[in-house]
C-alpha atoms as a PDB file:
ATOM      1  CA  MET A   1      20.956  17.158  18.403  1.00  0.00           C
ATOM      2  CA  GLU A   2      23.845  19.832  18.599  1.00  0.00           C
ATOM      3  CA  GLY A   3      27.072  17.787  18.368  1.00  0.00           C
ATOM      4  CA  PHE A   4      25.228  14.559  16.619  1.00  0.00           C
ATOM      5  CA  PRO A   5      27.895  13.634  14.228  1.00  0.00           C
ATOM      6  CA  ILE A   6      26.361  14.021  10.318  1.00  0.00           C
ATOM      7  CA  LEU A   7      26.227  10.795   8.615  1.00  0.00           C
ATOM      8  CA  PRO A   8      27.475  10.657   4.655  1.00  0.00           C
ATOM      9  CA  ILE A   9      24.104   9.967   2.891  1.00  0.00           C
ATOM     10  CA  GLU A  10      25.717   6.934   1.066  1.00  0.00           C
ATOM     11  CA  ILE A  11      25.784   5.686   4.815  1.00  0.00           C
ATOM     12  CA  SER A  12      22.582   6.925   6.453  1.00  0.00           C
ATOM     13  CA  ARG A  13      20.818   5.157   2.997  1.00  0.00           C
ATOM     14  CA  LEU A  14      22.821   1.642   4.155  1.00  0.00           C
ATOM     15  CA  ILE A  15      21.732   2.198   7.720  1.00  0.00           C
ATOM     16  CA  LEU A  16      17.973   2.679   6.283  1.00  0.00           C
ATOM     17  CA  LEU A  17      17.981  -0.038   3.743  1.00  0.00           C
ATOM     18  CA  GLU A  18      19.097  -2.735   6.926  1.00  0.00           C
ATOM     19  CA  ALA A  19      16.716  -0.453   9.503  1.00  0.00           C
ATOM     20  CA  VAL A  20      13.398  -1.284   6.802  1.00  0.00           C
ATOM     21  CA  LYS A  21      14.898  -5.068   6.709  1.00  0.00           C
ATOM     22  CA  THR A  22      15.298  -6.447   9.989  1.00  0.00           C
ATOM     23  CA  ARG A  23      11.803  -4.062  11.108  1.00  0.00           C
ATOM     24  CA  GLY A  24       9.755  -5.639   8.739  1.00  0.00           C
ATOM     25  CA  LEU A  25       7.206  -3.928   6.603  1.00  0.00           C
ATOM     26  CA  LYS A  26       4.233  -2.365   9.650  1.00  0.00           C
ATOM     27  CA  ARG A  27       7.639  -1.097  11.578  1.00  0.00           C
ATOM     28  CA  ALA A  28       9.485  -0.069   8.577  1.00  0.00           C
ATOM     29  CA  LEU A  29       6.429   2.117   6.836  1.00  0.00           C
ATOM     30  CA  ARG A  30       6.198   3.958  10.408  1.00  0.00           C
ATOM     31  CA  LEU A  31       9.395   5.224   9.382  1.00  0.00           C
ATOM     32  CA  ARG A  32       8.002   7.887   7.180  1.00  0.00           C
ATOM     33  CA  PHE A  33       6.316   9.329   9.596  1.00  0.00           C
ATOM     34  CA  VAL A  34       9.521   9.973  12.269  1.00  0.00           C
ATOM     35  CA  SER A  35      10.169  12.995   9.888  1.00  0.00           C
ATOM     36  CA  ARG A  36       8.996  14.597   6.685  1.00  0.00           C
ATOM     37  CA  SER A  37      12.350  14.357   5.485  1.00  0.00           C
ATOM     38  CA  TRP A  38      12.257  10.433   6.269  1.00  0.00           C
ATOM     39  CA  ASN A  39       9.642   9.928   3.954  1.00  0.00           C
ATOM     40  CA  ARG A  40      10.775   9.984   0.716  1.00  0.00           C
ATOM     41  CA  GLU A  41      14.354   7.896   2.077  1.00  0.00           C
ATOM     42  CA  ALA A  42      12.210   5.497   4.182  1.00  0.00           C
ATOM     43  CA  LEU A  43       9.866   4.692   1.218  1.00  0.00           C
ATOM     44  CA  GLU A  44      12.689   4.310  -1.343  1.00  0.00           C
ATOM     45  CA  ALA A  45      14.591   2.041   1.357  1.00  0.00           C
ATOM     46  CA  ILE A  46      11.399  -0.355   1.576  1.00  0.00           C
ATOM     47  CA  PHE A  47      10.937  -0.762  -2.361  1.00  0.00           C
ATOM     48  CA  GLU A  48      15.181  -1.227  -2.327  1.00  0.00           C
ATOM     49  CA  SER A  49      14.907  -4.121   0.619  1.00  0.00           C
ATOM     50  CA  GLY A  50      12.869  -6.191  -1.551  1.00  0.00           C
ATOM     51  CA  ILE A  51      10.540  -6.289   1.397  1.00  0.00           C
ATOM     52  CA  LEU A  52       7.046  -5.531  -0.586  1.00  0.00           C
ATOM     53  CA  ASP A  53       7.883  -8.492  -3.095  1.00  0.00           C
ATOM     54  CA  ALA A  54       7.202 -10.992  -0.366  1.00  0.00           C
ATOM     55  CA  HIS A  55       3.690  -9.187   1.137  1.00  0.00           C
ATOM     56  CA  VAL A  56       0.561 -10.286   0.077  1.00  0.00           C
ATOM     57  CA  ASP A  57      -1.887  -7.726   0.111  1.00  0.00           C
ATOM     58  CA  LEU A  58       0.051  -5.381  -2.003  1.00  0.00           C
ATOM     59  CA  GLU A  59      -2.184  -4.602  -4.773  1.00  0.00           C
ATOM     60  CA  ARG A  60      -4.669  -3.013  -2.478  1.00  0.00           C
ATOM     61  CA  ALA A  61      -1.985  -0.880  -0.661  1.00  0.00           C
ATOM     62  CA  LEU A  62      -1.473   2.702  -0.524  1.00  0.00           C
ATOM     63  CA  ILE A  63       2.123   2.518  -1.846  1.00  0.00           C
ATOM     64  CA  TRP A  64       1.750  -0.027  -4.553  1.00  0.00           C
ATOM     65  CA  PRO A  65       1.449   2.522  -7.522  1.00  0.00           C
ATOM     66  CA  LYS A  66       4.454   4.376  -5.864  1.00  0.00           C
ATOM     67  CA  TYR A  67       5.789   0.962  -5.751  1.00  0.00           C
ATOM     68  CA  LEU A  68       4.922  -0.132  -8.836  1.00  0.00           C
ATOM     69  CA  THR A  69       6.843   3.193 -10.812  1.00  0.00           C
ATOM     70  CA  TYR A  70       9.977   2.036  -8.864  1.00  0.00           C
ATOM     71  CA  ARG A  71      10.011  -0.922 -10.083  1.00  0.00           C
ATOM     72  CA  VAL A  72       9.458   0.472 -13.885  1.00  0.00           C
ATOM     73  CA  LEU A  73      11.873   3.015 -13.707  1.00  0.00           C
ATOM     74  CA  ARG A  74      14.501   1.008 -12.122  1.00  0.00           C
ATOM     75  CA  ASN A  75      17.617  -0.038 -13.769  1.00  0.00           C
ATOM     76  CA  GLY A  76      19.999  -2.704 -13.792  1.00  0.00           C
ATOM     77  CA  GLN A  77      17.596  -5.164 -13.476  1.00  0.00           C
ATOM     78  CA  PRO A  78      15.629  -7.034 -15.984  1.00  0.00           C
ATOM     79  CA  LEU A  79      11.166  -6.421 -15.834  1.00  0.00           C
ATOM     80  CA  CYS A  80       8.700  -8.614 -17.306  1.00  0.00           C
ATOM     81  CA  TRP A  81       6.863  -8.241 -20.086  1.00  0.00           C
ATOM     82  CA  GLN A  82       4.406  -5.987 -19.140  1.00  0.00           C
ATOM     83  CA  LEU A  83       6.100  -3.437 -17.113  1.00  0.00           C
ATOM     84  CA  ARG A  84       8.430  -3.254 -20.093  1.00  0.00           C
ATOM     85  CA  THR A  85       5.425  -2.125 -22.038  1.00  0.00           C
ATOM     86  CA  LEU A  86       4.541   0.538 -19.331  1.00  0.00           C
ATOM     87  CA  ARG A  87       7.614   1.872 -19.530  1.00  0.00           C
ATOM     88  CA  ARG A  88       8.018   2.129 -22.998  1.00  0.00           C
ATOM     89  CA  VAL A  89       4.255   3.656 -23.569  1.00  0.00           C
ATOM     90  CA  ALA A  90       5.230   6.081 -20.980  1.00  0.00           C
ATOM     91  CA  GLU A  91       8.234   6.871 -23.464  1.00  0.00           C
ATOM     92  CA  ARG A  92       5.511   7.054 -26.317  1.00  0.00           C
ATOM     93  CA  VAL A  93       3.433   9.691 -24.265  1.00  0.00           C
ATOM     94  CA  GLN A  94       6.130  12.324 -23.149  1.00  0.00           C
ATOM     95  CA  ALA A  95       7.356  12.041 -26.822  1.00  0.00           C
ATOM     96  CA  PHE A  96       3.718  12.585 -28.215  1.00  0.00           C
ATOM     97  CA  ARG A  97       3.275  15.614 -25.123  1.00  0.00           C
ATOM     98  CA  GLY A  98       6.937  17.105 -26.903  1.00  0.00           C
ATOM     99  CA  ASP A  99       7.491  19.293 -23.513  1.00  0.00           C
ATOM    100  CA  ASP A 100       9.424  17.312 -21.240  1.00  0.00           C
ATOM    101  CA  ARG A 101      11.163  14.630 -21.677  1.00  0.00           C
ATOM    102  CA  SER A 102      12.953  14.828 -18.056  1.00  0.00           C
ATOM    103  CA  HIS A 103      13.211  11.911 -15.770  1.00  0.00           C
ATOM    104  CA  ASP A 104      11.252  13.231 -13.018  1.00  0.00           C
ATOM    105  CA  ALA A 105       8.189  14.216 -16.002  1.00  0.00           C
ATOM    106  CA  LEU A 106       8.491  10.071 -16.536  1.00  0.00           C
ATOM    107  CA  ARG A 107       8.284   9.285 -13.391  1.00  0.00           C
ATOM    108  CA  GLN A 108       4.890  11.609 -13.063  1.00  0.00           C
ATOM    109  CA  CYS A 109       3.537   9.656 -16.321  1.00  0.00           C
ATOM    110  CA  VAL A 110       4.304   6.423 -14.818  1.00  0.00           C
ATOM    111  CA  PHE A 111       3.044   6.932 -11.776  1.00  0.00           C
ATOM    112  CA  GLU A 112       0.007   8.360 -13.165  1.00  0.00           C
ATOM    113  CA  MET A 113      -0.565   5.213 -14.792  1.00  0.00           C
ATOM    114  CA  CYS A 114      -0.155   3.127 -12.196  1.00  0.00           C
ATOM    115  CA  GLN A 115      -2.410   4.535 -10.322  1.00  0.00           C
ATOM    116  CA  PHE A 116      -5.190   2.864 -12.424  1.00  0.00           C
ATOM    117  CA  ILE A 117      -3.672  -0.955 -13.092  1.00  0.00           C
ATOM    118  CA  PRO A 118      -4.863  -3.145 -10.046  1.00  0.00           C
ATOM    119  CA  LYS A 119      -8.007  -1.366  -9.578  1.00  0.00           C
ATOM    120  CA  HIS A 120      -9.158  -3.332 -13.077  1.00  0.00           C
ATOM    121  CA  ASN A 121      -9.870  -6.925 -11.013  1.00  0.00           C
ATOM    122  CA  ARG A 122     -10.069  -6.617  -7.691  1.00  0.00           C
ATOM    123  CA  ASP A 123     -10.911 -10.290  -6.816  1.00  0.00           C
ATOM    124  CA  ALA A 124      -7.598 -11.490  -8.846  1.00  0.00           C
ATOM    125  CA  ARG A 125      -4.374 -10.600  -8.026  1.00  0.00           C
ATOM    126  CA  PRO A 126      -3.486  -9.255 -11.447  1.00  0.00           C
ATOM    127  CA  CYS A 127       0.046  -7.783 -11.309  1.00  0.00           C
ATOM    128  CA  ARG A 128       1.804  -9.968  -8.870  1.00  0.00           C
ATOM    129  CA  TYR A 129       3.411 -12.101 -11.706  1.00  0.00           C
ATOM    130  CA  TRP A 130       4.683  -8.489 -12.383  1.00  0.00           C
ATOM    131  CA  LEU A 131       6.880  -8.655  -9.822  1.00  0.00           C
ATOM    132  CA  LYS A 132       8.997 -11.837 -10.925  1.00  0.00           C
ATOM    133  CA  THR A 133      11.982 -12.201 -13.347  1.00  0.00           C
ATOM    134  CA  PRO A 134      10.860 -12.827 -16.255  1.00  0.00           C
ATOM    135  CA  GLU A 135      12.309 -16.402 -17.685  1.00  0.00           C
ATOM    136  CA  ARG A 136      12.694 -15.067 -21.415  1.00  0.00           C
ATOM    137  CA  ASP A 137      13.184 -11.095 -22.764  1.00  0.00           C
ATOM    138  CA  GLU A 138      10.274 -11.072 -25.189  1.00  0.00           C
ATOM    139  CA  ASN A 139      10.736  -7.782 -27.569  1.00  0.00           C
ATOM    140  CA  ILE A 140       8.048  -5.427 -27.475  1.00  0.00           C
ATOM    141  CA  ASN A 141       6.223  -4.899 -30.708  1.00  0.00           C
ATOM    142  CA  GLU A 142       5.089  -1.230 -31.217  1.00  0.00           C
ATOM    143  CA  ASN A 143       2.835  -1.958 -33.836  1.00  0.00           C
ATOM    144  CA  ASP A 144       1.244  -4.914 -31.904  1.00  0.00           C
ATOM    145  CA  GLU A 145      -2.801  -4.404 -31.174  1.00  0.00           C
ATOM    146  CA  ILE A 146      -2.119  -4.854 -26.870  1.00  0.00           C
ATOM    147  CA  PHE A 147       0.751  -2.058 -26.950  1.00  0.00           C
ATOM    148  CA  LYS A 148      -1.545   0.335 -29.272  1.00  0.00           C
ATOM    149  CA  GLN A 149      -4.582  -0.524 -26.707  1.00  0.00           C
ATOM    150  CA  THR A 150      -2.202  -0.052 -23.867  1.00  0.00           C
ATOM    151  CA  LEU A 151      -1.046   3.639 -24.976  1.00  0.00           C
ATOM    152  CA  LEU A 152      -4.658   4.628 -25.555  1.00  0.00           C
ATOM    153  CA  SER A 153      -5.710   3.370 -22.226  1.00  0.00           C
ATOM    154  CA  ALA A 154      -2.624   5.779 -21.243  1.00  0.00           C
ATOM    155  CA  ALA A 155      -3.589   8.378 -23.147  1.00  0.00           C
ATOM    156  CA  VAL A 156      -6.929   8.193 -21.283  1.00  0.00           C
ATOM    157  CA  VAL A 157      -5.572   7.934 -17.955  1.00  0.00           C
ATOM    158  CA  VAL A 158      -2.739  11.366 -18.470  1.00  0.00           C
ATOM    159  CA  ASN A 159      -5.945  12.645 -19.915  1.00  0.00           C
ATOM    160  CA  ASP A 160      -4.299  13.622 -23.624  1.00  0.00           C
ATOM    161  CA  ILE A 161      -6.980  13.983 -25.736  1.00  0.00           C
ATOM    162  CA  ASP A 162      -4.933  14.497 -28.905  1.00  0.00           C
ATOM    163  CA  LEU A 163      -3.116  11.573 -27.959  1.00  0.00           C
ATOM    164  CA  VAL A 164      -6.667   9.591 -27.600  1.00  0.00           C
ATOM    165  CA  ASN A 165      -7.903  11.160 -30.761  1.00  0.00           C
ATOM    166  CA  GLU A 166      -4.603   9.804 -32.500  1.00  0.00           C
ATOM    167  CA  MET A 167      -5.120   6.201 -31.408  1.00  0.00           C
ATOM    168  CA  ILE A 168      -8.993   5.934 -31.891  1.00  0.00           C
ATOM    169  CA  LEU A 169      -8.101   6.617 -35.488  1.00  0.00           C
ATOM    170  CA  VAL A 170      -4.919   3.648 -35.232  1.00  0.00           C
ATOM    171  CA  LEU A 171      -7.535   1.606 -33.526  1.00  0.00           C
ATOM    172  CA  GLN A 172     -10.876   2.043 -35.517  1.00  0.00           C
ATOM    173  CA  ASP A 173     -10.734  -1.256 -37.142  1.00  0.00           C
ATOM    174  CA  SER A 174     -10.203  -3.288 -33.593  1.00  0.00           C
ATOM    175  CA  PRO A 175     -12.722  -5.523 -32.746  1.00  0.00           C
ATOM    176  CA  TYR A 176     -12.162  -5.268 -28.928  1.00  0.00           C
ATOM    177  CA  LEU A 177     -13.058  -1.225 -28.779  1.00  0.00           C
ATOM    178  CA  ILE A 178     -16.598  -0.122 -28.552  1.00  0.00           C
ATOM    179  CA  SER A 179     -18.449   1.140 -31.366  1.00  0.00           C
ATOM    180  CA  ALA A 180     -19.849   4.486 -32.449  1.00  0.00           C
ATOM    181  CA  ASP A 181     -23.207   3.335 -31.728  1.00  0.00           C
ATOM    182  CA  GLY A 182     -22.408   1.706 -28.318  1.00  0.00           C
ATOM    183  CA  SER A 183     -22.495  -1.875 -28.904  1.00  0.00           C
ATOM    184  CA  GLU A 184     -19.540  -4.370 -28.165  1.00  0.00           C
ATOM    185  CA  GLU A 185     -18.139  -5.335 -31.481  1.00  0.00           C
ATOM    186  CA  ILE A 186     -16.425  -8.296 -29.955  1.00  0.00           C
ATOM    187  CA  MET A 187     -15.455 -11.647 -32.916  1.00  0.00           C
END
């Protein structure tokens, strides 16, 4: 468009954010297809607007993993224990790999893990309460059994065999793992 003034990025982002808030989720999702360059900006505006928090079937939506990744890596607002644990586990996976500790690598690791979260229980809404602001701040204990099991699950999801082997050795006495002969040993 010749003669159309180019707006600063901050103003364009605010306009897109307000457009998302007023148009609703379905119409806001269609904004992504206006232009390839709008896809990322429109998704970020949708995430930032908070419009997805009220969406009922969000766990089944294709953008759920991206939204959870956004929530996990967002700074400034308190996260529930589950999302903080997910972030800490992703940081531990990145530290174990030792190769790339950039924010983009962390984002990719969190995204890989978030793709598998809602698939474990399709009937219930297991992750809906993760989006609420926590009432109290629970500490994450990296020596806790739940944290170790989450780290093992994350290692499987991101296909890090060395970390899987290390975590299996750490959790070999856990009553919640399947034994070598294939039987479940649950107390």
